[in-house]
Amino acid sequence: MKAWLGPQNIRGEYHRNKYYYPPQDHKPNYIVPDGNPVDLGAGQASYERLDGKRDPSLHPFPHNTHTKTGLIVSDSLKEKIYLEATQDQTLAQELAHKYGLKLSRVEAIVRLQAIERSWREKNMINENLEKFSGVMKKMFPLFSPSKSAENLTEIPTPSKTLHQRFLTISESEPFGPVDASKIFDLEPAQTVLDHLTEVKEVGEQQVATNKVLVGQQKKGDKAQFRFTMATSGNVGYRYGASRRDRKKDRAVAFDKLGRMVYTV
């Protein structure tokens, strides 16, 4: 461990350890098996077959190439998407196809950019928050529309359509996507697309207001009591049990010395 951490200064920091400082070049600094690998008889390194498939800047685990670090969108691209969506009134589907981003991610970018602008107008972003966000952004790789376009499959395959269903109809009877959705007990594809493009503010719509009774705070009192109306059973479950040493029906016995002891 001492050989891996390196020398320690008077403040207890391992300043010469390459994993001590966070990366600031948009390349994650994951631990790689670049020490002295175990030789396999003929002098071949044990990690040789893994190095060809693994990108140390994207795959954090040496033996798992399926786990990949997520890519972040640059500030310039976020600004461009926000301006096109608000000023040019470009649809989110067009922006997703243009930049190779998922539809939900494009909508999130537009929404978060609007929140950030409102925060800046209210001076709610301080220096520490700016510094923290800047360091965090430089630790992750950047998204490139030309190289790392996302999968734009808008409608996931419903589980009900994985099994075949047969229906006997005449040749003259019309049969379209709406009729097929009724057979599978699903909504039409256009309805599903409309739901995906809507900005869902579920948290804001489902805010429940409870009746609160505020007690009178007299002079000298440090706390003010507030009583909320609630239904027994909806608040939570009671847990725990009373202490056995407080019960009056505890079983007693006597030890070898004749002293009375509790058995439970």
C-alpha atoms as a PDB file:
ATOM      1  CA  MET A   1       0.000   0.000   0.000  1.00  0.00           C
ATOM      2  CA  LYS A   2       2.835   2.417   0.809  1.00  0.00           C
ATOM      3  CA  ALA A   3       4.489   1.718  -2.537  1.00  0.00           C
ATOM      4  CA  TRP A   4       1.225   2.410  -4.358  1.00  0.00           C
ATOM      5  CA  LEU A   5       0.336   5.612  -2.466  1.00  0.00           C
ATOM      6  CA  GLY A   6       3.796   7.107  -2.730  1.00  0.00           C
ATOM      7  CA  PRO A   7       5.492   9.575  -0.370  1.00  0.00           C
ATOM      8  CA  GLN A   8       3.460  11.564   2.142  1.00  0.00           C
ATOM      9  CA  ASN A   9       4.034  15.233   2.921  1.00  0.00           C
ATOM     10  CA  ILE A  10       3.784  16.928   6.318  1.00  0.00           C
ATOM     11  CA  ARG A  11       0.043  17.532   5.858  1.00  0.00           C
ATOM     12  CA  GLY A  12      -0.651  13.852   5.249  1.00  0.00           C
ATOM     13  CA  GLU A  13      -1.305  14.241   1.506  1.00  0.00           C
ATOM     14  CA  TYR A  14      -0.053  11.824  -1.128  1.00  0.00           C
ATOM     15  CA  HIS A  15       0.634  14.581  -3.626  1.00  0.00           C
ATOM     16  CA  ARG A  16       2.639  12.369  -5.981  1.00  0.00           C
ATOM     17  CA  ASN A  17      -0.075   9.758  -6.355  1.00  0.00           C
ATOM     18  CA  LYS A  18      -1.566   9.996  -9.850  1.00  0.00           C
ATOM     19  CA  TYR A  19      -5.013   9.196  -8.447  1.00  0.00           C
ATOM     20  CA  TYR A  20      -4.872  11.902  -5.747  1.00  0.00           C
ATOM     21  CA  TYR A  21      -5.996  14.861  -7.858  1.00  0.00           C
ATOM     22  CA  PRO A  22      -9.242  14.797  -9.866  1.00  0.00           C
ATOM     23  CA  PRO A  23      -8.723  14.749 -13.642  1.00  0.00           C
ATOM     24  CA  GLN A  24      -9.363  18.067 -15.373  1.00  0.00           C
ATOM     25  CA  ASP A  25      -9.051  17.050 -19.022  1.00  0.00           C
ATOM     26  CA  HIS A  26     -12.436  15.312 -19.501  1.00  0.00           C
ATOM     27  CA  LYS A  27     -10.783  11.909 -19.131  1.00  0.00           C
ATOM     28  CA  PRO A  28     -11.689   9.861 -16.029  1.00  0.00           C
ATOM     29  CA  ASN A  29      -8.596   8.691 -14.184  1.00  0.00           C
ATOM     30  CA  TYR A  30      -9.615   5.117 -13.427  1.00  0.00           C
ATOM     31  CA  ILE A  31      -7.230   2.579 -11.957  1.00  0.00           C
ATOM     32  CA  VAL A  32      -5.668   0.487 -14.698  1.00  0.00           C
ATOM     33  CA  PRO A  33      -3.700  -2.785 -14.387  1.00  0.00           C
ATOM     34  CA  ASP A  34      -0.472  -1.234 -15.665  1.00  0.00           C
ATOM     35  CA  GLY A  35       1.828  -2.436 -12.880  1.00  0.00           C
ATOM     36  CA  ASN A  36       3.705  -5.735 -13.147  1.00  0.00           C
ATOM     37  CA  PRO A  37       1.109  -8.246 -14.386  1.00  0.00           C
ATOM     38  CA  VAL A  38       1.446 -11.951 -13.779  1.00  0.00           C
ATOM     39  CA  ASP A  39       3.125 -13.732 -16.697  1.00  0.00           C
ATOM     40  CA  LEU A  40       1.377 -16.680 -18.277  1.00  0.00           C
ATOM     41  CA  GLY A  41       4.256 -19.053 -18.948  1.00  0.00           C
ATOM     42  CA  ALA A  42       5.396 -17.708 -22.308  1.00  0.00           C
ATOM     43  CA  GLY A  43       5.713 -14.148 -21.007  1.00  0.00           C
ATOM     44  CA  GLN A  44       2.232 -12.969 -22.024  1.00  0.00           C
ATOM     45  CA  ALA A  45       0.560 -10.574 -19.640  1.00  0.00           C
ATOM     46  CA  SER A  46      -2.606 -11.756 -17.958  1.00  0.00           C
ATOM     47  CA  TYR A  47      -4.424  -8.542 -18.926  1.00  0.00           C
ATOM     48  CA  GLU A  48      -3.365  -8.635 -22.539  1.00  0.00           C
ATOM     49  CA  ARG A  49      -6.671  -9.982 -23.811  1.00  0.00           C
ATOM     50  CA  LEU A  50      -8.573  -7.281 -21.891  1.00  0.00           C
ATOM     51  CA  ASP A  51      -6.513  -4.269 -22.959  1.00  0.00           C
ATOM     52  CA  GLY A  52      -7.726  -4.504 -26.552  1.00  0.00           C
ATOM     53  CA  LYS A  53     -11.399  -4.147 -25.590  1.00  0.00           C
ATOM     54  CA  ARG A  54     -11.145  -1.809 -22.628  1.00  0.00           C
ATOM     55  CA  ASP A  55     -10.788   1.939 -22.812  1.00  0.00           C
ATOM     56  CA  PRO A  56      -9.352   3.052 -19.435  1.00  0.00           C
ATOM     57  CA  SER A  57     -11.026   6.447 -19.768  1.00  0.00           C
ATOM     58  CA  LEU A  58     -14.525   4.970 -20.226  1.00  0.00           C
ATOM     59  CA  HIS A  59     -14.567   1.546 -18.552  1.00  0.00           C
ATOM     60  CA  PRO A  60     -13.959   1.725 -14.779  1.00  0.00           C
ATOM     61  CA  PHE A  61     -13.783  -2.042 -14.220  1.00  0.00           C
ATOM     62  CA  PRO A  62     -10.992  -4.047 -15.924  1.00  0.00           C
ATOM     63  CA  HIS A  63     -13.050  -7.224 -16.355  1.00  0.00           C
ATOM     64  CA  ASN A  64     -16.356  -5.560 -17.277  1.00  0.00           C
ATOM     65  CA  THR A  65     -16.385  -3.738 -20.601  1.00  0.00           C
ATOM     66  CA  HIS A  66     -20.191  -3.417 -20.551  1.00  0.00           C
ATOM     67  CA  THR A  67     -20.097  -0.783 -17.774  1.00  0.00           C
ATOM     68  CA  LYS A  68     -19.336   2.508 -19.480  1.00  0.00           C
ATOM     69  CA  THR A  69     -19.001   6.017 -18.100  1.00  0.00           C
ATOM     70  CA  GLY A  70     -21.779   8.366 -19.118  1.00  0.00           C
ATOM     71  CA  LEU A  71     -20.938  11.286 -21.397  1.00  0.00           C
ATOM     72  CA  ILE A  72     -21.918  14.829 -20.447  1.00  0.00           C
ATOM     73  CA  VAL A  73     -23.104  17.482 -22.874  1.00  0.00           C
ATOM     74  CA  SER A  74     -20.857  20.523 -23.184  1.00  0.00           C
ATOM     75  CA  ASP A  75     -22.077  23.964 -22.130  1.00  0.00           C
ATOM     76  CA  SER A  76     -21.890  25.281 -25.686  1.00  0.00           C
ATOM     77  CA  LEU A  77     -24.100  22.478 -26.991  1.00  0.00           C
ATOM     78  CA  LYS A  78     -26.578  23.001 -24.146  1.00  0.00           C
ATOM     79  CA  GLU A  79     -26.747  26.702 -24.996  1.00  0.00           C
ATOM     80  CA  LYS A  80     -27.302  25.928 -28.668  1.00  0.00           C
ATOM     81  CA  ILE A  81     -30.095  23.436 -27.922  1.00  0.00           C
ATOM     82  CA  TYR A  82     -31.806  25.876 -25.552  1.00  0.00           C
ATOM     83  CA  LEU A  83     -31.736  28.757 -28.035  1.00  0.00           C
ATOM     84  CA  GLU A  84     -33.052  26.612 -30.864  1.00  0.00           C
ATOM     85  CA  ALA A  85     -35.862  25.292 -28.676  1.00  0.00           C
ATOM     86  CA  THR A  86     -36.929  28.657 -27.227  1.00  0.00           C
ATOM     87  CA  GLN A  87     -36.124  31.244 -29.911  1.00  0.00           C
ATOM     88  CA  ASP A  88     -36.429  29.191 -33.110  1.00  0.00           C
ATOM     89  CA  GLN A  89     -39.292  27.071 -31.681  1.00  0.00           C
ATOM     90  CA  THR A  90     -37.641  23.881 -32.923  1.00  0.00           C
ATOM     91  CA  LEU A  91     -39.385  20.705 -31.827  1.00  0.00           C
ATOM     92  CA  ALA A  92     -37.641  18.435 -29.354  1.00  0.00           C
ATOM     93  CA  GLN A  93     -37.872  15.515 -31.810  1.00  0.00           C
ATOM     94  CA  GLU A  94     -35.952  17.496 -34.436  1.00  0.00           C
ATOM     95  CA  LEU A  95     -33.251  18.471 -31.946  1.00  0.00           C
ATOM     96  CA  ALA A  96     -32.918  14.861 -30.787  1.00  0.00           C
ATOM     97  CA  HIS A  97     -32.449  13.671 -34.368  1.00  0.00           C
ATOM     98  CA  LYS A  98     -30.091  16.544 -35.216  1.00  0.00           C
ATOM     99  CA  TYR A  99     -27.679  16.103 -32.309  1.00  0.00           C
ATOM    100  CA  GLY A 100     -28.095  12.365 -31.691  1.00  0.00           C
ATOM    101  CA  LEU A 101     -29.511  12.789 -28.189  1.00  0.00           C
ATOM    102  CA  LYS A 102     -32.441  11.010 -26.613  1.00  0.00           C
ATOM    103  CA  LEU A 103     -35.699  12.903 -26.539  1.00  0.00           C
ATOM    104  CA  SER A 104     -35.935  12.879 -22.754  1.00  0.00           C
ATOM    105  CA  ARG A 105     -32.401  14.249 -22.493  1.00  0.00           C
ATOM    106  CA  VAL A 106     -33.149  17.124 -24.870  1.00  0.00           C
ATOM    107  CA  GLU A 107     -36.211  18.086 -22.832  1.00  0.00           C
ATOM    108  CA  ALA A 108     -34.168  17.912 -19.632  1.00  0.00           C
ATOM    109  CA  ILE A 109     -31.487  20.191 -21.110  1.00  0.00           C
ATOM    110  CA  VAL A 110     -34.061  22.818 -22.081  1.00  0.00           C
ATOM    111  CA  ARG A 111     -35.720  22.697 -18.677  1.00  0.00           C
ATOM    112  CA  LEU A 112     -32.472  22.830 -16.679  1.00  0.00           C
ATOM    113  CA  GLN A 113     -31.097  25.660 -18.808  1.00  0.00           C
ATOM    114  CA  ALA A 114     -34.200  27.706 -18.015  1.00  0.00           C
ATOM    115  CA  ILE A 115     -33.758  27.009 -14.297  1.00  0.00           C
ATOM    116  CA  GLU A 116     -30.078  27.955 -14.427  1.00  0.00           C
ATOM    117  CA  ARG A 117     -30.863  31.242 -16.158  1.00  0.00           C
ATOM    118  CA  SER A 118     -33.481  32.097 -13.541  1.00  0.00           C
ATOM    119  CA  TRP A 119     -31.001  31.300 -10.778  1.00  0.00           C
ATOM    120  CA  ARG A 120     -28.400  33.595 -12.312  1.00  0.00           C
ATOM    121  CA  GLU A 121     -30.918  36.418 -12.519  1.00  0.00           C
ATOM    122  CA  LYS A 122     -31.655  35.981  -8.812  1.00  0.00           C
ATOM    123  CA  ASN A 123     -27.925  35.663  -7.907  1.00  0.00           C
ATOM    124  CA  MET A 124     -28.513  32.223  -6.388  1.00  0.00           C
ATOM    125  CA  ILE A 125     -25.303  30.711  -7.843  1.00  0.00           C
ATOM    126  CA  ASN A 126     -22.348  31.514  -5.601  1.00  0.00           C
ATOM    127  CA  GLU A 127     -18.620  31.092  -6.180  1.00  0.00           C
ATOM    128  CA  ASN A 128     -18.366  27.722  -4.424  1.00  0.00           C
ATOM    129  CA  LEU A 129     -21.123  26.241  -6.576  1.00  0.00           C
ATOM    130  CA  GLU A 130     -19.436  27.499  -9.741  1.00  0.00           C
ATOM    131  CA  LYS A 131     -16.107  26.001  -8.684  1.00  0.00           C
ATOM    132  CA  PHE A 132     -17.639  22.669  -7.697  1.00  0.00           C
ATOM    133  CA  SER A 133     -19.592  22.314 -10.940  1.00  0.00           C
ATOM    134  CA  GLY A 134     -16.532  23.261 -12.998  1.00  0.00           C
ATOM    135  CA  VAL A 135     -14.360  20.613 -11.348  1.00  0.00           C
ATOM    136  CA  MET A 136     -17.057  17.956 -11.692  1.00  0.00           C
ATOM    137  CA  LYS A 137     -17.659  18.706 -15.387  1.00  0.00           C
ATOM    138  CA  LYS A 138     -13.976  18.327 -16.227  1.00  0.00           C
ATOM    139  CA  MET A 139     -13.895  14.876 -14.620  1.00  0.00           C
ATOM    140  CA  PHE A 140     -16.282  13.304 -17.163  1.00  0.00           C
ATOM    141  CA  PRO A 141     -15.855  12.758 -20.910  1.00  0.00           C
ATOM    142  CA  LEU A 142     -17.708  15.026 -23.309  1.00  0.00           C
ATOM    143  CA  PHE A 143     -20.465  13.990 -25.676  1.00  0.00           C
ATOM    144  CA  SER A 144     -19.681  14.287 -29.375  1.00  0.00           C
ATOM    145  CA  PRO A 145     -22.688  14.147 -31.744  1.00  0.00           C
ATOM    146  CA  SER A 146     -20.624  12.757 -34.614  1.00  0.00           C
ATOM    147  CA  LYS A 147     -18.889   9.996 -32.622  1.00  0.00           C
ATOM    148  CA  SER A 148     -21.148   8.968 -29.737  1.00  0.00           C
ATOM    149  CA  ALA A 149     -24.734   9.408 -30.902  1.00  0.00           C
ATOM    150  CA  GLU A 150     -27.300   7.811 -28.620  1.00  0.00           C
ATOM    151  CA  ASN A 151     -29.918   5.242 -29.532  1.00  0.00           C
ATOM    152  CA  LEU A 152     -32.963   7.164 -30.717  1.00  0.00           C
ATOM    153  CA  THR A 153     -35.477   4.338 -30.254  1.00  0.00           C
ATOM    154  CA  GLU A 154     -38.343   6.467 -29.034  1.00  0.00           C
ATOM    155  CA  ILE A 155     -40.916   3.770 -28.247  1.00  0.00           C
ATOM    156  CA  PRO A 156     -39.689   0.792 -26.222  1.00  0.00           C
ATOM    157  CA  THR A 157     -40.978  -2.585 -27.341  1.00  0.00           C
ATOM    158  CA  PRO A 158     -44.015  -3.489 -25.197  1.00  0.00           C
ATOM    159  CA  SER A 159     -43.922  -6.932 -23.651  1.00  0.00           C
ATOM    160  CA  LYS A 160     -47.397  -7.710 -25.009  1.00  0.00           C
ATOM    161  CA  THR A 161     -46.150  -7.489 -28.607  1.00  0.00           C
ATOM    162  CA  LEU A 162     -43.478 -10.143 -28.092  1.00  0.00           C
ATOM    163  CA  HIS A 163     -46.105 -12.876 -28.530  1.00  0.00           C
ATOM    164  CA  GLN A 164     -48.031 -13.463 -31.746  1.00  0.00           C
ATOM    165  CA  ARG A 165     -51.783 -12.991 -31.933  1.00  0.00           C
ATOM    166  CA  PHE A 166     -53.943 -14.153 -34.818  1.00  0.00           C
ATOM    167  CA  LEU A 167     -57.144 -12.482 -35.961  1.00  0.00           C
ATOM    168  CA  THR A 168     -59.359 -13.592 -38.831  1.00  0.00           C
ATOM    169  CA  ILE A 169     -60.721 -10.694 -40.902  1.00  0.00           C
ATOM    170  CA  SER A 170     -61.991 -10.298 -44.418  1.00  0.00           C
ATOM    171  CA  GLU A 171     -59.842  -8.854 -47.190  1.00  0.00           C
ATOM    172  CA  SER A 172     -62.113  -5.850 -47.609  1.00  0.00           C
ATOM    173  CA  GLU A 173     -62.108  -4.965 -43.923  1.00  0.00           C
ATOM    174  CA  PRO A 174     -59.676  -2.108 -43.097  1.00  0.00           C
ATOM    175  CA  PHE A 175     -57.070  -2.818 -40.459  1.00  0.00           C
ATOM    176  CA  GLY A 176     -54.553  -0.233 -39.263  1.00  0.00           C
ATOM    177  CA  PRO A 177     -52.262   0.617 -36.354  1.00  0.00           C
ATOM    178  CA  VAL A 178     -55.165   1.712 -34.146  1.00  0.00           C
ATOM    179  CA  ASP A 179     -56.910  -1.618 -34.658  1.00  0.00           C
ATOM    180  CA  ALA A 180     -53.669  -3.458 -33.889  1.00  0.00           C
ATOM    181  CA  SER A 181     -53.253  -1.509 -30.656  1.00  0.00           C
ATOM    182  CA  LYS A 182     -56.761  -2.555 -29.590  1.00  0.00           C
ATOM    183  CA  ILE A 183     -55.898  -6.211 -30.172  1.00  0.00           C
ATOM    184  CA  PHE A 184     -52.862  -5.907 -27.878  1.00  0.00           C
ATOM    185  CA  ASP A 185     -54.706  -3.696 -25.363  1.00  0.00           C
ATOM    186  CA  LEU A 186     -52.193  -0.907 -25.930  1.00  0.00           C
ATOM    187  CA  GLU A 187     -52.378   2.787 -26.728  1.00  0.00           C
ATOM    188  CA  PRO A 188     -51.718   3.851 -30.333  1.00  0.00           C
ATOM    189  CA  ALA A 189     -48.146   4.782 -31.239  1.00  0.00           C
ATOM    190  CA  GLN A 190     -49.073   8.432 -31.772  1.00  0.00           C
ATOM    191  CA  THR A 191     -50.547   8.645 -28.273  1.00  0.00           C
ATOM    192  CA  VAL A 192     -47.378   7.134 -26.799  1.00  0.00           C
ATOM    193  CA  LEU A 193     -45.257   9.681 -28.702  1.00  0.00           C
ATOM    194  CA  ASP A 194     -47.401  12.530 -27.390  1.00  0.00           C
ATOM    195  CA  HIS A 195     -46.889  11.317 -23.825  1.00  0.00           C
ATOM    196  CA  LEU A 196     -43.130  11.085 -24.346  1.00  0.00           C
ATOM    197  CA  THR A 197     -42.863  14.636 -25.680  1.00  0.00           C
ATOM    198  CA  GLU A 198     -44.797  16.188 -22.825  1.00  0.00           C
ATOM    199  CA  VAL A 199     -42.831  17.631 -19.935  1.00  0.00           C
ATOM    200  CA  LYS A 200     -44.075  15.701 -16.929  1.00  0.00           C
ATOM    201  CA  GLU A 201     -44.277  17.785 -13.783  1.00  0.00           C
ATOM    202  CA  VAL A 202     -45.610  15.002 -11.613  1.00  0.00           C
ATOM    203  CA  GLY A 203     -43.937  16.260  -8.471  1.00  0.00           C
ATOM    204  CA  GLU A 204     -45.472  19.714  -8.838  1.00  0.00           C
ATOM    205  CA  GLN A 205     -48.944  18.454  -9.737  1.00  0.00           C
ATOM    206  CA  GLN A 206     -49.251  15.955  -6.906  1.00  0.00           C
ATOM    207  CA  VAL A 207     -48.431  18.302  -4.037  1.00  0.00           C
ATOM    208  CA  ALA A 208     -50.882  17.501  -1.258  1.00  0.00           C
ATOM    209  CA  THR A 209     -51.828  20.197   1.213  1.00  0.00           C
ATOM    210  CA  ASN A 210     -52.477  19.143   4.801  1.00  0.00           C
ATOM    211  CA  LYS A 211     -54.355  21.105   7.421  1.00  0.00           C
ATOM    212  CA  VAL A 212     -51.911  22.388  10.013  1.00  0.00           C
ATOM    213  CA  LEU A 213     -52.840  23.752  13.429  1.00  0.00           C
ATOM    214  CA  VAL A 214     -50.186  26.140  14.751  1.00  0.00           C
ATOM    215  CA  GLY A 215     -49.955  26.594  18.486  1.00  0.00           C
ATOM    216  CA  GLN A 216     -49.469  29.957  20.127  1.00  0.00           C
ATOM    217  CA  GLN A 217     -45.846  30.726  20.901  1.00  0.00           C
ATOM    218  CA  LYS A 218     -45.559  32.679  24.106  1.00  0.00           C
ATOM    219  CA  LYS A 219     -42.724  34.941  25.091  1.00  0.00           C
ATOM    220  CA  GLY A 220     -39.711  32.947  26.190  1.00  0.00           C
ATOM    221  CA  ASP A 221     -40.696  29.750  24.369  1.00  0.00           C
ATOM    222  CA  LYS A 222     -38.006  28.382  22.078  1.00  0.00           C
ATOM    223  CA  ALA A 223     -40.278  26.158  20.012  1.00  0.00           C
ATOM    224  CA  GLN A 224     -43.619  26.516  18.313  1.00  0.00           C
ATOM    225  CA  PHE A 225     -45.863  23.454  18.145  1.00  0.00           C
ATOM    226  CA  ARG A 226     -47.515  22.553  14.861  1.00  0.00           C
ATOM    227  CA  PHE A 227     -50.113  19.797  14.611  1.00  0.00           C
ATOM    228  CA  THR A 228     -50.817  18.220  11.230  1.00  0.00           C
ATOM    229  CA  MET A 229     -54.071  16.435  10.555  1.00  0.00           C
ATOM    230  CA  ALA A 230     -53.377  12.818   9.582  1.00  0.00           C
ATOM    231  CA  THR A 231     -55.226   9.537   9.344  1.00  0.00           C
ATOM    232  CA  SER A 232     -54.105   6.731  11.588  1.00  0.00           C
ATOM    233  CA  GLY A 233     -52.581   3.987   9.459  1.00  0.00           C
ATOM    234  CA  ASN A 234     -51.491   6.261   6.603  1.00  0.00           C
ATOM    235  CA  VAL A 235     -48.668   7.916   8.531  1.00  0.00           C
ATOM    236  CA  GLY A 236     -46.609   4.801   9.156  1.00  0.00           C
ATOM    237  CA  TYR A 237     -46.345   1.581  11.066  1.00  0.00           C
ATOM    238  CA  ARG A 238     -45.549   1.369  14.744  1.00  0.00           C
ATOM    239  CA  TYR A 239     -42.401  -0.548  15.430  1.00  0.00           C
ATOM    240  CA  GLY A 240     -40.418  -1.786  18.402  1.00  0.00           C
ATOM    241  CA  ALA A 241     -41.574  -3.279  21.694  1.00  0.00           C
ATOM    242  CA  SER A 242     -41.611  -2.238  25.292  1.00  0.00           C
ATOM    243  CA  ARG A 243     -38.757  -3.246  27.538  1.00  0.00           C
ATOM    244  CA  ARG A 244     -39.171  -6.594  29.265  1.00  0.00           C
ATOM    245  CA  ASP A 245     -37.732  -5.356  32.539  1.00  0.00           C
ATOM    246  CA  ARG A 246     -40.726  -3.039  32.922  1.00  0.00           C
ATOM    247  CA  LYS A 247     -43.281  -5.824  32.729  1.00  0.00           C
ATOM    248  CA  LYS A 248     -44.844  -7.192  35.922  1.00  0.00           C
ATOM    249  CA  ASP A 249     -45.396 -10.744  34.659  1.00  0.00           C
ATOM    250  CA  ARG A 250     -41.790 -11.629  33.991  1.00  0.00           C
ATOM    251  CA  ALA A 251     -40.855 -15.261  34.673  1.00  0.00           C
ATOM    252  CA  VAL A 252     -38.494 -15.684  37.613  1.00  0.00           C
ATOM    253  CA  ALA A 253     -36.229 -18.496  38.809  1.00  0.00           C
ATOM    254  CA  PHE A 254     -33.511 -19.059  41.390  1.00  0.00           C
ATOM    255  CA  ASP A 255     -29.819 -19.758  40.776  1.00  0.00           C
ATOM    256  CA  LYS A 256     -27.519 -22.061  42.773  1.00  0.00           C
ATOM    257  CA  LEU A 257     -26.971 -19.405  45.429  1.00  0.00           C
ATOM    258  CA  GLY A 258     -30.686 -18.914  45.939  1.00  0.00           C
ATOM    259  CA  ARG A 259     -30.847 -15.534  44.276  1.00  0.00           C
ATOM    260  CA  MET A 260     -33.904 -14.657  42.230  1.00  0.00           C
ATOM    261  CA  VAL A 261     -33.179 -14.070  38.543  1.00  0.00           C
ATOM    262  CA  TYR A 262     -35.368 -13.280  35.564  1.00  0.00           C
ATOM    263  CA  THR A 263     -35.444 -15.973  32.873  1.00  0.00           C
ATOM    264  CA  VAL A 264     -36.805 -13.673  30.122  1.00  0.00           C
END
